[in-house]
Amino acid sequence: DRKKQQDHQKLTDRMGRIEHKIMILSGKGGVGKSTVSANIAVALALAG
């Protein structure tokens, strides 16, 4: 439980330093959320 709290705090701290966040959501599985997320990440990385 202590480790889980530490991990949550670490994630919260890191996410707080990110200026923009993009969420890819769907109520259903198998619709391509991971593919879309990966492609957006690559495009943003290439754009600088």
N, C-alpha and C. Protein backbone atom coordinates (compact mmCIF):
# COMPACT_ATOMS: atom_id res chain seq x y z
N ASP A 1 0.82 -1.19 0.00
CA ASP A 1 0.00 0.00 0.00
C ASP A 1 0.87 1.26 0.00
N ARG A 2 1.94 1.24 0.77
CA ARG A 2 2.86 2.38 0.81
C ARG A 2 3.53 2.59 -0.55
N LYS A 3 3.95 1.50 -1.18
CA LYS A 3 4.59 1.57 -2.50
C LYS A 3 3.60 2.13 -3.53
N LYS A 4 2.36 1.69 -3.44
CA LYS A 4 1.33 2.17 -4.37
C LYS A 4 1.12 3.68 -4.20
N GLN A 5 1.11 4.15 -2.97
CA GLN A 5 0.96 5.59 -2.70
C GLN A 5 2.15 6.37 -3.24
N GLN A 6 3.36 5.83 -3.06
CA GLN A 6 4.56 6.50 -3.57
C GLN A 6 4.53 6.57 -5.10
N ASP A 7 4.13 5.47 -5.73
CA ASP A 7 4.04 5.44 -7.19
C ASP A 7 3.01 6.45 -7.69
N HIS A 8 1.88 6.52 -7.00
CA HIS A 8 0.83 7.47 -7.39
C HIS A 8 1.33 8.90 -7.25
N GLN A 9 2.02 9.20 -6.17
CA GLN A 9 2.55 10.55 -5.96
C GLN A 9 3.59 10.91 -7.01
N LYS A 10 4.45 9.96 -7.34
CA LYS A 10 5.47 10.18 -8.37
C LYS A 10 4.82 10.49 -9.71
N LEU A 11 3.81 9.70 -10.07
CA LEU A 11 3.09 9.92 -11.33
C LEU A 11 2.38 11.27 -11.33
N THR A 12 1.74 11.61 -10.23
CA THR A 12 1.05 12.90 -10.11
C THR A 12 2.03 14.05 -10.26
N ASP A 13 3.18 13.95 -9.63
CA ASP A 13 4.20 15.00 -9.74
C ASP A 13 4.69 15.16 -11.18
N ARG A 14 4.96 14.04 -11.83
CA ARG A 14 5.45 14.09 -13.22
C ARG A 14 4.38 14.65 -14.16
N MET A 15 3.15 14.21 -14.01
CA MET A 15 2.08 14.69 -14.88
C MET A 15 1.82 16.17 -14.66
N GLY A 16 2.04 16.64 -13.45
CA GLY A 16 1.84 18.06 -13.14
C GLY A 16 2.82 18.96 -13.86
N ARG A 17 3.96 18.43 -14.25
CA ARG A 17 4.97 19.23 -14.95
C ARG A 17 4.75 19.26 -16.46
N ILE A 18 3.84 18.45 -16.94
CA ILE A 18 3.54 18.41 -18.38
C ILE A 18 2.54 19.50 -18.68
N GLU A 19 2.89 20.37 -19.63
CA GLU A 19 2.05 21.52 -19.94
C GLU A 19 0.75 21.12 -20.64
N HIS A 20 0.82 20.22 -21.60
CA HIS A 20 -0.36 19.80 -22.35
C HIS A 20 -0.52 18.29 -22.23
N LYS A 21 -1.76 17.86 -22.08
CA LYS A 21 -2.06 16.43 -22.00
C LYS A 21 -3.13 16.11 -23.03
N ILE A 22 -2.98 15.00 -23.71
CA ILE A 22 -3.96 14.54 -24.69
C ILE A 22 -4.45 13.18 -24.24
N MET A 23 -5.76 13.04 -24.11
CA MET A 23 -6.35 11.76 -23.70
C MET A 23 -7.04 11.12 -24.89
N ILE A 24 -6.79 9.86 -25.08
CA ILE A 24 -7.45 9.08 -26.12
C ILE A 24 -8.38 8.11 -25.39
N LEU A 25 -9.67 8.31 -25.54
CA LEU A 25 -10.65 7.53 -24.78
C LEU A 25 -11.65 6.83 -25.69
N SER A 26 -12.15 5.72 -25.20
CA SER A 26 -13.25 5.02 -25.84
C SER A 26 -13.85 4.08 -24.81
N GLY A 27 -15.13 3.92 -24.86
CA GLY A 27 -15.80 3.01 -23.93
C GLY A 27 -15.70 1.55 -24.36
N LYS A 28 -15.03 1.32 -25.45
CA LYS A 28 -14.96 -0.02 -26.02
C LYS A 28 -13.50 -0.39 -26.28
N GLY A 29 -13.20 -1.65 -26.18
CA GLY A 29 -11.86 -2.12 -26.48
C GLY A 29 -11.69 -2.46 -27.94
N GLY A 30 -10.45 -2.47 -28.40
CA GLY A 30 -10.16 -2.90 -29.76
C GLY A 30 -10.51 -1.91 -30.85
N VAL A 31 -10.54 -0.63 -30.50
CA VAL A 31 -10.91 0.38 -31.50
C VAL A 31 -9.73 1.21 -31.97
N GLY A 32 -8.52 0.90 -31.48
CA GLY A 32 -7.32 1.57 -31.98
C GLY A 32 -6.77 2.67 -31.11
N LYS A 33 -7.12 2.70 -29.83
CA LYS A 33 -6.61 3.75 -28.93
C LYS A 33 -5.09 3.74 -28.85
N SER A 34 -4.52 2.57 -28.71
CA SER A 34 -3.06 2.48 -28.61
C SER A 34 -2.38 2.89 -29.90
N THR A 35 -2.96 2.50 -31.02
CA THR A 35 -2.39 2.87 -32.33
C THR A 35 -2.44 4.38 -32.52
N VAL A 36 -3.58 4.98 -32.22
CA VAL A 36 -3.72 6.43 -32.34
C VAL A 36 -2.74 7.13 -31.41
N SER A 37 -2.65 6.66 -30.17
CA SER A 37 -1.74 7.27 -29.19
C SER A 37 -0.30 7.20 -29.66
N ALA A 38 0.11 6.05 -30.16
CA ALA A 38 1.49 5.87 -30.63
C ALA A 38 1.77 6.77 -31.82
N ASN A 39 0.83 6.86 -32.75
CA ASN A 39 1.04 7.71 -33.93
C ASN A 39 1.09 9.19 -33.57
N ILE A 40 0.27 9.62 -32.63
CA ILE A 40 0.33 11.01 -32.18
C ILE A 40 1.67 11.28 -31.51
N ALA A 41 2.13 10.35 -30.68
CA ALA A 41 3.42 10.52 -30.00
C ALA A 41 4.56 10.64 -31.01
N VAL A 42 4.56 9.80 -32.03
CA VAL A 42 5.61 9.85 -33.05
C VAL A 42 5.55 11.17 -33.81
N ALA A 43 4.35 11.58 -34.21
CA ALA A 43 4.20 12.83 -34.95
C ALA A 43 4.67 14.03 -34.13
N LEU A 44 4.32 14.06 -32.86
CA LEU A 44 4.75 15.17 -32.00
C LEU A 44 6.26 15.14 -31.78
N ALA A 45 6.83 13.95 -31.63
CA ALA A 45 8.28 13.84 -31.45
C ALA A 45 9.02 14.32 -32.70
N LEU A 46 8.52 13.95 -33.86
CA LEU A 46 9.16 14.38 -35.11
C LEU A 46 9.01 15.89 -35.33
N ALA A 47 7.91 16.44 -34.84
CA ALA A 47 7.67 17.88 -35.00
C ALA A 47 8.53 18.70 -34.04
N GLY A 48 9.07 18.03 -33.03
CA GLY A 48 9.94 18.73 -32.08
C GLY A 48 9.16 19.22 -30.95
